[in-house]
Amino acid sequence: LKSHILKILELEHTDKVNLIAHSKGGL
């Protein structure tokens, strides 16, 4: 998840994301 988000941050030229996590995704 961390690796994927780092790519998103670079792509979107931003420094944060909002996470919406279902079930184990929250853990």
PDB file of all heavy atoms in Angstrom:
ATOM      1  N   LEU A   1       0.827  -1.197   0.000  1.00  0.00           N
ATOM      2  CA  LEU A   1       0.000   0.000   0.000  1.00  0.00           C
ATOM      3  C   LEU A   1       0.866   1.254   0.000  1.00  0.00           C
ATOM      4  O   LEU A   1       0.602   2.207  -0.742  1.00  0.00           O
ATOM      5  CB  LEU A   1      -0.920  -0.009   1.231  1.00  0.00           C
ATOM      6  CG  LEU A   1      -1.872   1.183   1.404  1.00  0.00           C
ATOM      7  CD1 LEU A   1      -2.805   1.311   0.204  1.00  0.00           C
ATOM      8  CD2 LEU A   1      -2.679   1.024   2.697  1.00  0.00           C
ATOM      9  N   LYS A   2       1.893   1.256   0.823  1.00  0.00           N
ATOM     10  CA  LYS A   2       2.810   2.405   0.888  1.00  0.00           C
ATOM     11  C   LYS A   2       3.459   2.658  -0.466  1.00  0.00           C
ATOM     12  O   LYS A   2       3.527   3.800  -0.942  1.00  0.00           O
ATOM     13  CB  LYS A   2       3.877   2.158   1.953  1.00  0.00           C
ATOM     14  CG  LYS A   2       4.905   3.281   2.059  1.00  0.00           C
ATOM     15  CD  LYS A   2       5.944   2.977   3.132  1.00  0.00           C
ATOM     16  CE  LYS A   2       6.998   4.074   3.202  1.00  0.00           C
ATOM     17  NZ  LYS A   2       8.016   3.811   4.263  1.00  0.00           N
ATOM     18  N   SER A   3       3.930   1.587  -1.089  1.00  0.00           N
ATOM     19  CA  SER A   3       4.589   1.701  -2.389  1.00  0.00           C
ATOM     20  C   SER A   3       3.642   2.278  -3.438  1.00  0.00           C
ATOM     21  O   SER A   3       4.022   3.146  -4.239  1.00  0.00           O
ATOM     22  CB  SER A   3       5.085   0.324  -2.831  1.00  0.00           C
ATOM     23  OG  SER A   3       5.670   0.383  -4.104  1.00  0.00           O
ATOM     24  N   HIS A   4       2.386   1.812  -3.424  1.00  0.00           N
ATOM     25  CA  HIS A   4       1.401   2.286  -4.392  1.00  0.00           C
ATOM     26  C   HIS A   4       1.058   3.755  -4.155  1.00  0.00           C
ATOM     27  O   HIS A   4       0.939   4.547  -5.103  1.00  0.00           O
ATOM     28  CB  HIS A   4       0.137   1.434  -4.310  1.00  0.00           C
ATOM     29  CG  HIS A   4      -0.833   1.700  -5.414  1.00  0.00           C
ATOM     30  ND1 HIS A   4      -2.192   1.542  -5.277  1.00  0.00           N
ATOM     31  CD2 HIS A   4      -0.652   2.139  -6.691  1.00  0.00           C
ATOM     32  CE1 HIS A   4      -2.791   1.856  -6.403  1.00  0.00           C
ATOM     33  NE2 HIS A   4      -1.880   2.218  -7.275  1.00  0.00           N
ATOM     34  N   ILE A   5       0.915   4.138  -2.900  1.00  0.00           N
ATOM     35  CA  ILE A   5       0.568   5.528  -2.582  1.00  0.00           C
ATOM     36  C   ILE A   5       1.688   6.482  -2.971  1.00  0.00           C
ATOM     37  O   ILE A   5       1.426   7.588  -3.473  1.00  0.00           O
ATOM     38  CB  ILE A   5       0.236   5.668  -1.081  1.00  0.00           C
ATOM     39  CG1 ILE A   5      -1.083   4.964  -0.774  1.00  0.00           C
ATOM     40  CG2 ILE A   5       0.144   7.150  -0.679  1.00  0.00           C
ATOM     41  CD1 ILE A   5      -1.459   4.951   0.695  1.00  0.00           C
ATOM     42  N   LEU A   6       2.931   6.074  -2.778  1.00  0.00           N
ATOM     43  CA  LEU A   6       4.061   6.924  -3.174  1.00  0.00           C
ATOM     44  C   LEU A   6       4.018   7.228  -4.674  1.00  0.00           C
ATOM     45  O   LEU A   6       4.324   8.344  -5.102  1.00  0.00           O
ATOM     46  CB  LEU A   6       5.385   6.245  -2.810  1.00  0.00           C
ATOM     47  CG  LEU A   6       5.736   6.229  -1.311  1.00  0.00           C
ATOM     48  CD1 LEU A   6       6.980   5.388  -1.063  1.00  0.00           C
ATOM     49  CD2 LEU A   6       5.931   7.656  -0.790  1.00  0.00           C
ATOM     50  N   LYS A   7       3.600   6.230  -5.463  1.00  0.00           N
ATOM     51  CA  LYS A   7       3.466   6.448  -6.911  1.00  0.00           C
ATOM     52  C   LYS A   7       2.328   7.420  -7.203  1.00  0.00           C
ATOM     53  O   LYS A   7       2.431   8.265  -8.107  1.00  0.00           O
ATOM     54  CB  LYS A   7       3.215   5.112  -7.612  1.00  0.00           C
ATOM     55  CG  LYS A   7       4.395   4.161  -7.560  1.00  0.00           C
ATOM     56  CD  LYS A   7       4.062   2.826  -8.207  1.00  0.00           C
ATOM     57  CE  LYS A   7       5.232   1.845  -8.092  1.00  0.00           C
ATOM     58  NZ  LYS A   7       4.899   0.520  -8.667  1.00  0.00           N
ATOM     59  N   ILE A   8       1.239   7.311  -6.447  1.00  0.00           N
ATOM     60  CA  ILE A   8       0.092   8.200  -6.626  1.00  0.00           C
ATOM     61  C   ILE A   8       0.475   9.640  -6.282  1.00  0.00           C
ATOM     62  O   ILE A   8       0.123  10.589  -6.991  1.00  0.00           O
ATOM     63  CB  ILE A   8      -1.096   7.744  -5.757  1.00  0.00           C
ATOM     64  CG1 ILE A   8      -1.622   6.404  -6.246  1.00  0.00           C
ATOM     65  CG2 ILE A   8      -2.223   8.787  -5.769  1.00  0.00           C
ATOM     66  CD1 ILE A   8      -2.660   5.769  -5.334  1.00  0.00           C
ATOM     67  N   LEU A   9       1.217   9.815  -5.187  1.00  0.00           N
ATOM     68  CA  LEU A   9       1.650  11.153  -4.765  1.00  0.00           C
ATOM     69  C   LEU A   9       2.497  11.811  -5.844  1.00  0.00           C
ATOM     70  O   LEU A   9       2.353  13.005  -6.123  1.00  0.00           O
ATOM     71  CB  LEU A   9       2.451  11.054  -3.459  1.00  0.00           C
ATOM     72  CG  LEU A   9       1.699  10.557  -2.225  1.00  0.00           C
ATOM     73  CD1 LEU A   9       2.637  10.471  -1.030  1.00  0.00           C
ATOM     74  CD2 LEU A   9       0.518  11.462  -1.903  1.00  0.00           C
ATOM     75  N   GLU A  10       3.366  11.022  -6.446  1.00  0.00           N
ATOM     76  CA  GLU A  10       4.220  11.550  -7.518  1.00  0.00           C
ATOM     77  C   GLU A  10       3.400  11.893  -8.751  1.00  0.00           C
ATOM     78  O   GLU A  10       3.603  12.940  -9.382  1.00  0.00           O
ATOM     79  CB  GLU A  10       5.300  10.517  -7.871  1.00  0.00           C
ATOM     80  CG  GLU A  10       6.302  11.006  -8.901  1.00  0.00           C
ATOM     81  CD  GLU A  10       7.380   9.978  -9.192  1.00  0.00           C
ATOM     82  OE1 GLU A  10       7.389   8.911  -8.551  1.00  0.00           O
ATOM     83  OE2 GLU A  10       8.212  10.243 -10.085  1.00  0.00           O
ATOM     84  N   LEU A  11       2.457  11.042  -9.077  1.00  0.00           N
ATOM     85  CA  LEU A  11       1.617  11.245 -10.257  1.00  0.00           C
ATOM     86  C   LEU A  11       0.719  12.464 -10.106  1.00  0.00           C
ATOM     87  O   LEU A  11       0.524  13.240 -11.057  1.00  0.00           O
ATOM     88  CB  LEU A  11       0.765   9.996 -10.497  1.00  0.00           C
ATOM     89  CG  LEU A  11      -0.129   9.980 -11.740  1.00  0.00           C
ATOM     90  CD1 LEU A  11       0.724   9.996 -13.000  1.00  0.00           C
ATOM     91  CD2 LEU A  11      -1.029   8.757 -11.737  1.00  0.00           C
ATOM     92  N   GLU A  12       0.174  12.654  -8.905  1.00  0.00           N
ATOM     93  CA  GLU A  12      -0.770  13.744  -8.660  1.00  0.00           C
ATOM     94  C   GLU A  12      -0.092  15.028  -8.165  1.00  0.00           C
ATOM     95  O   GLU A  12      -0.760  16.039  -7.957  1.00  0.00           O
ATOM     96  CB  GLU A  12      -1.816  13.299  -7.628  1.00  0.00           C
ATOM     97  CG  GLU A  12      -2.726  12.179  -8.090  1.00  0.00           C
ATOM     98  CD  GLU A  12      -3.661  12.601  -9.210  1.00  0.00           C
ATOM     99  OE1 GLU A  12      -3.898  13.816  -9.371  1.00  0.00           O
ATOM    100  OE2 GLU A  12      -4.149  11.715  -9.929  1.00  0.00           O
ATOM    101  N   HIS A  13       1.208  14.972  -7.968  1.00  0.00           N
ATOM    102  CA  HIS A  13       1.966  16.137  -7.476  1.00  0.00           C
ATOM    103  C   HIS A  13       1.365  16.672  -6.176  1.00  0.00           C
ATOM    104  O   HIS A  13       1.072  17.863  -6.033  1.00  0.00           O
ATOM    105  CB  HIS A  13       1.997  17.249  -8.536  1.00  0.00           C
ATOM    106  CG  HIS A  13       2.549  16.803  -9.850  1.00  0.00           C
ATOM    107  ND1 HIS A  13       3.882  16.489 -10.049  1.00  0.00           N
ATOM    108  CD2 HIS A  13       1.930  16.597 -11.049  1.00  0.00           C
ATOM    109  CE1 HIS A  13       4.070  16.120 -11.302  1.00  0.00           C
ATOM    110  NE2 HIS A  13       2.910  16.172 -11.930  1.00  0.00           N
ATOM    111  N   THR A  14       1.167  15.785  -5.239  1.00  0.00           N
ATOM    112  CA  THR A  14       0.610  16.161  -3.946  1.00  0.00           C
ATOM    113  C   THR A  14       1.385  15.443  -2.847  1.00  0.00           C
ATOM    114  O   THR A  14       2.275  14.631  -3.134  1.00  0.00           O
ATOM    115  CB  THR A  14      -0.889  15.815  -3.867  1.00  0.00           C
ATOM    116  OG1 THR A  14      -1.435  16.321  -2.652  1.00  0.00           O
ATOM    117  CG2 THR A  14      -1.106  14.313  -3.925  1.00  0.00           C
ATOM    118  N   ASP A  15       1.063  15.739  -1.584  1.00  0.00           N
ATOM    119  CA  ASP A  15       1.819  15.125  -0.488  1.00  0.00           C
ATOM    120  C   ASP A  15       0.972  14.253   0.435  1.00  0.00           C
ATOM    121  O   ASP A  15       1.486  13.653   1.367  1.00  0.00           O
ATOM    122  CB  ASP A  15       2.525  16.197   0.341  1.00  0.00           C
ATOM    123  CG  ASP A  15       1.553  17.191   0.960  1.00  0.00           C
ATOM    124  OD1 ASP A  15       0.390  17.243   0.513  1.00  0.00           O
ATOM    125  OD2 ASP A  15       1.949  17.908   1.886  1.00  0.00           O
ATOM    126  N   LYS A  16      -0.352  14.174   0.160  1.00  0.00           N
ATOM    127  CA  LYS A  16      -1.226  13.370   1.020  1.00  0.00           C
ATOM    128  C   LYS A  16      -2.338  12.708   0.221  1.00  0.00           C
ATOM    129  O   LYS A  16      -2.642  13.113  -0.902  1.00  0.00           O
ATOM    130  CB  LYS A  16      -1.848  14.237   2.123  1.00  0.00           C
ATOM    131  CG  LYS A  16      -0.871  14.741   3.159  1.00  0.00           C
ATOM    132  CD  LYS A  16      -1.606  15.451   4.299  1.00  0.00           C
ATOM    133  CE  LYS A  16      -0.625  15.916   5.361  1.00  0.00           C
ATOM    134  NZ  LYS A  16      -1.298  16.513   6.535  1.00  0.00           N
ATOM    135  N   VAL A  17      -2.957  11.705   0.850  1.00  0.00           N
ATOM    136  CA  VAL A  17      -4.127  11.040   0.268  1.00  0.00           C
ATOM    137  C   VAL A  17      -5.177  10.841   1.352  1.00  0.00           C
ATOM    138  O   VAL A  17      -4.878  10.904   2.546  1.00  0.00           O
ATOM    139  CB  VAL A  17      -3.773   9.660  -0.345  1.00  0.00           C
ATOM    140  CG1 VAL A  17      -2.830   9.804  -1.509  1.00  0.00           C
ATOM    141  CG2 VAL A  17      -3.219   8.722   0.727  1.00  0.00           C
ATOM    142  N   ASN A  18      -6.408  10.611   0.933  1.00  0.00           N
ATOM    143  CA  ASN A  18      -7.490  10.203   1.827  1.00  0.00           C
ATOM    144  C   ASN A  18      -7.701   8.707   1.640  1.00  0.00           C
ATOM    145  O   ASN A  18      -7.890   8.252   0.509  1.00  0.00           O
ATOM    146  CB  ASN A  18      -8.787  10.939   1.490  1.00  0.00           C
ATOM    147  CG  ASN A  18      -8.691  12.429   1.747  1.00  0.00           C
ATOM    148  OD1 ASN A  18      -8.488  12.873   2.865  1.00  0.00           O
ATOM    149  ND2 ASN A  18      -8.834  13.225   0.680  1.00  0.00           N
ATOM    150  N   LEU A  19      -7.665   7.955   2.719  1.00  0.00           N
ATOM    151  CA  LEU A  19      -7.846   6.504   2.632  1.00  0.00           C
ATOM    152  C   LEU A  19      -9.263   6.101   3.037  1.00  0.00           C
ATOM    153  O   LEU A  19      -9.759   6.525   4.080  1.00  0.00           O
ATOM    154  CB  LEU A  19      -6.852   5.783   3.550  1.00  0.00           C
ATOM    155  CG  LEU A  19      -5.363   5.958   3.240  1.00  0.00           C
ATOM    156  CD1 LEU A  19      -4.531   5.226   4.294  1.00  0.00           C
ATOM    157  CD2 LEU A  19      -5.023   5.437   1.848  1.00  0.00           C
ATOM    158  N   ILE A  20      -9.910   5.296   2.208  1.00  0.00           N
ATOM    159  CA  ILE A  20     -11.190   4.676   2.551  1.00  0.00           C
ATOM    160  C   ILE A  20     -10.943   3.176   2.492  1.00  0.00           C
ATOM    161  O   ILE A  20     -10.735   2.607   1.426  1.00  0.00           O
ATOM    162  CB  ILE A  20     -12.306   5.080   1.577  1.00  0.00           C
ATOM    163  CG1 ILE A  20     -12.523   6.599   1.609  1.00  0.00           C
ATOM    164  CG2 ILE A  20     -13.606   4.355   1.926  1.00  0.00           C
ATOM    165  CD1 ILE A  20     -13.587   7.102   0.645  1.00  0.00           C
ATOM    166  N   ALA A  21     -10.923   2.548   3.660  1.00  0.00           N
ATOM    167  CA  ALA A  21     -10.494   1.153   3.743  1.00  0.00           C
ATOM    168  C   ALA A  21     -11.613   0.244   4.224  1.00  0.00           C
ATOM    169  O   ALA A  21     -12.260   0.513   5.238  1.00  0.00           O
ATOM    170  CB  ALA A  21      -9.287   1.039   4.673  1.00  0.00           C
ATOM    171  N   HIS A  22     -11.808  -0.843   3.508  1.00  0.00           N
ATOM    172  CA  HIS A  22     -12.843  -1.810   3.870  1.00  0.00           C
ATOM    173  C   HIS A  22     -12.228  -3.021   4.560  1.00  0.00           C
ATOM    174  O   HIS A  22     -11.178  -3.519   4.161  1.00  0.00           O
ATOM    175  CB  HIS A  22     -13.603  -2.269   2.622  1.00  0.00           C
ATOM    176  CG  HIS A  22     -14.601  -3.357   2.894  1.00  0.00           C
ATOM    177  ND1 HIS A  22     -14.459  -4.637   2.406  1.00  0.00           N
ATOM    178  CD2 HIS A  22     -15.739  -3.362   3.648  1.00  0.00           C
ATOM    179  CE1 HIS A  22     -15.471  -5.385   2.814  1.00  0.00           C
ATOM    180  NE2 HIS A  22     -16.259  -4.640   3.573  1.00  0.00           N
ATOM    181  N   SER A  23     -12.871  -3.478   5.627  1.00  0.00           N
ATOM    182  CA  SER A  23     -12.486  -4.707   6.329  1.00  0.00           C
ATOM    183  C   SER A  23     -10.996  -4.705   6.704  1.00  0.00           C
ATOM    184  O   SER A  23     -10.504  -3.758   7.291  1.00  0.00           O
ATOM    185  CB  SER A  23     -12.852  -5.913   5.454  1.00  0.00           C
ATOM    186  OG  SER A  23     -12.724  -7.120   6.167  1.00  0.00           O
ATOM    187  N   LYS A  24     -10.262  -5.756   6.355  1.00  0.00           N
ATOM    188  CA  LYS A  24      -8.848  -5.853   6.719  1.00  0.00           C
ATOM    189  C   LYS A  24      -8.028  -4.719   6.139  1.00  0.00           C
ATOM    190  O   LYS A  24      -6.947  -4.394   6.658  1.00  0.00           O
ATOM    191  CB  LYS A  24      -8.287  -7.203   6.258  1.00  0.00           C
ATOM    192  CG  LYS A  24      -6.797  -7.380   6.514  1.00  0.00           C
ATOM    193  CD  LYS A  24      -6.320  -8.732   6.038  1.00  0.00           C
ATOM    194  CE  LYS A  24      -4.803  -8.800   6.000  1.00  0.00           C
ATOM    195  NZ  LYS A  24      -4.240  -7.992   4.898  1.00  0.00           N
ATOM    196  N   GLY A  25      -8.518  -4.082   5.096  1.00  0.00           N
ATOM    197  CA  GLY A  25      -7.796  -2.949   4.516  1.00  0.00           C
ATOM    198  C   GLY A  25      -7.565  -1.845   5.536  1.00  0.00           C
ATOM    199  O   GLY A  25      -6.582  -1.100   5.452  1.00  0.00           O
ATOM    200  N   GLY A  26      -8.467  -1.748   6.527  1.00  0.00           N
ATOM    201  CA  GLY A  26      -8.290  -0.762   7.580  1.00  0.00           C
ATOM    202  C   GLY A  26      -7.109  -1.097   8.474  1.00  0.00           C
ATOM    203  O   GLY A  26      -6.385  -0.212   8.939  1.00  0.00           O
ATOM    204  N   LEU A  27      -6.890  -2.401   8.722  1.00  0.00           N
ATOM    205  CA  LEU A  27      -5.748  -2.839   9.528  1.00  0.00           C
ATOM    206  C   LEU A  27      -4.443  -2.618   8.763  1.00  0.00           C
ATOM    207  O   LEU A  27      -3.432  -2.205   9.343  1.00  0.00           O
ATOM    208  CB  LEU A  27      -5.896  -4.317   9.899  1.00  0.00           C
ATOM    209  CG  LEU A  27      -7.183  -4.709  10.635  1.00  0.00           C
ATOM    210  CD1 LEU A  27      -7.168  -6.208  10.955  1.00  0.00           C
ATOM    211  CD2 LEU A  27      -7.364  -3.889  11.901  1.00  0.00           C
TER     212      LEU A  27
END
